[in-house]
């Protein structure tokens, strides 16, 4: 299970990123497509780390909403 951030991009696509995995970003025309794509990106990212015998970061969930 990984925390992701989903937001609308400037080009009309949805952008989604996984903060605990630096550079793990994807997008999609719809929210569902973006989420499907980030799942694949996360899986590939983790497999690459494992193939290189690197530590896979453990997820840390802490979410806050700030009203300004």
C-alpha atoms as a PDB file:
ATOM      1  CA  UNK A   1       0.000   0.000   0.000  1.00  0.00           C
ATOM      2  CA  UNK A   2       1.434   3.369  -1.034  1.00  0.00           C
ATOM      3  CA  UNK A   3       0.248   6.917  -0.474  1.00  0.00           C
ATOM      4  CA  UNK A   4      -0.246   8.932  -3.667  1.00  0.00           C
ATOM      5  CA  UNK A   5      -1.192  12.506  -4.425  1.00  0.00           C
ATOM      6  CA  UNK A   6      -3.606  13.114  -7.301  1.00  0.00           C
ATOM      7  CA  UNK A   7      -4.192  16.532  -8.837  1.00  0.00           C
ATOM      8  CA  UNK A   8      -5.266  18.081 -12.153  1.00  0.00           C
ATOM      9  CA  UNK A   9      -2.391  19.059 -14.430  1.00  0.00           C
ATOM     10  CA  UNK A  10      -2.242  22.147 -16.597  1.00  0.00           C
ATOM     11  CA  UNK A  11      -2.807  20.101 -19.759  1.00  0.00           C
ATOM     12  CA  UNK A  12      -6.141  18.626 -18.619  1.00  0.00           C
ATOM     13  CA  UNK A  13      -4.614  15.312 -17.579  1.00  0.00           C
ATOM     14  CA  UNK A  14      -4.572  14.030 -13.993  1.00  0.00           C
ATOM     15  CA  UNK A  15      -1.131  13.888 -12.410  1.00  0.00           C
ATOM     16  CA  UNK A  16      -0.358  11.385  -9.662  1.00  0.00           C
ATOM     17  CA  UNK A  17       2.814  10.947  -7.676  1.00  0.00           C
ATOM     18  CA  UNK A  18       4.079   8.741  -4.878  1.00  0.00           C
ATOM     19  CA  UNK A  19       5.963  11.005  -2.439  1.00  0.00           C
ATOM     20  CA  UNK A  20       7.883   8.215  -0.662  1.00  0.00           C
ATOM     21  CA  UNK A  21       9.400   7.142  -4.019  1.00  0.00           C
ATOM     22  CA  UNK A  22      11.240  10.197  -5.427  1.00  0.00           C
ATOM     23  CA  UNK A  23      10.487  10.764  -9.104  1.00  0.00           C
ATOM     24  CA  UNK A  24       7.677   8.201  -9.216  1.00  0.00           C
ATOM     25  CA  UNK A  25       5.105  10.226 -11.150  1.00  0.00           C
ATOM     26  CA  UNK A  26       2.488   9.315 -13.738  1.00  0.00           C
ATOM     27  CA  UNK A  27      -0.615  10.765 -15.353  1.00  0.00           C
ATOM     28  CA  UNK A  28      -3.816   9.840 -17.139  1.00  0.00           C
ATOM     29  CA  UNK A  29      -6.733  11.359 -18.998  1.00  0.00           C
ATOM     30  CA  UNK A  30      -9.020  10.374 -16.106  1.00  0.00           C
ATOM     31  CA  UNK A  31      -8.482   9.844 -12.390  1.00  0.00           C
ATOM     32  CA  UNK A  32      -8.958   6.100 -12.844  1.00  0.00           C
ATOM     33  CA  UNK A  33      -6.419   5.955 -15.661  1.00  0.00           C
ATOM     34  CA  UNK A  34      -3.906   7.988 -13.635  1.00  0.00           C
ATOM     35  CA  UNK A  35      -4.318   5.666 -10.639  1.00  0.00           C
ATOM     36  CA  UNK A  36      -3.912   2.599 -12.842  1.00  0.00           C
ATOM     37  CA  UNK A  37      -0.750   4.098 -14.323  1.00  0.00           C
ATOM     38  CA  UNK A  38       0.796   4.991 -10.951  1.00  0.00           C
ATOM     39  CA  UNK A  39       0.215   1.436  -9.715  1.00  0.00           C
ATOM     40  CA  UNK A  40       2.311   0.181 -12.617  1.00  0.00           C
ATOM     41  CA  UNK A  41       4.946   2.884 -12.039  1.00  0.00           C
ATOM     42  CA  UNK A  42       5.202   2.017  -8.332  1.00  0.00           C
ATOM     43  CA  UNK A  43       5.539  -1.681  -9.127  1.00  0.00           C
ATOM     44  CA  UNK A  44       8.322  -1.025 -11.661  1.00  0.00           C
ATOM     45  CA  UNK A  45      10.082   1.369  -9.284  1.00  0.00           C
ATOM     46  CA  UNK A  46      10.076  -1.173  -6.444  1.00  0.00           C
ATOM     47  CA  UNK A  47      11.240  -4.005  -8.719  1.00  0.00           C
ATOM     48  CA  UNK A  48      14.121  -1.813  -9.919  1.00  0.00           C
ATOM     49  CA  UNK A  49      15.171  -1.102  -6.340  1.00  0.00           C
ATOM     50  CA  UNK A  50      15.014  -4.801  -5.481  1.00  0.00           C
ATOM     51  CA  UNK A  51      16.976  -5.765  -8.618  1.00  0.00           C
ATOM     52  CA  UNK A  52      19.720  -3.333  -7.558  1.00  0.00           C
ATOM     53  CA  UNK A  53      19.639  -4.633  -3.956  1.00  0.00           C
ATOM     54  CA  UNK A  54      18.570  -1.206  -2.703  1.00  0.00           C
ATOM     55  CA  UNK A  55      16.315  -0.514   0.251  1.00  0.00           C
ATOM     56  CA  UNK A  56      12.619  -0.151  -0.566  1.00  0.00           C
ATOM     57  CA  UNK A  57      11.275   2.758   1.525  1.00  0.00           C
ATOM     58  CA  UNK A  58       8.565   1.862   3.999  1.00  0.00           C
ATOM     59  CA  UNK A  59       5.390   3.891   3.690  1.00  0.00           C
ATOM     60  CA  UNK A  60       4.657   6.535   6.309  1.00  0.00           C
ATOM     61  CA  UNK A  61       1.111   7.850   6.328  1.00  0.00           C
ATOM     62  CA  UNK A  62       0.526  11.264   7.786  1.00  0.00           C
ATOM     63  CA  UNK A  63      -1.964  13.481   6.019  1.00  0.00           C
ATOM     64  CA  UNK A  64      -2.922  16.994   6.989  1.00  0.00           C
ATOM     65  CA  UNK A  65      -5.230  19.477   5.333  1.00  0.00           C
ATOM     66  CA  UNK A  66      -4.507  23.132   5.919  1.00  0.00           C
ATOM     67  CA  UNK A  67      -7.206  25.734   5.353  1.00  0.00           C
ATOM     68  CA  UNK A  68      -5.909  29.140   4.344  1.00  0.00           C
END
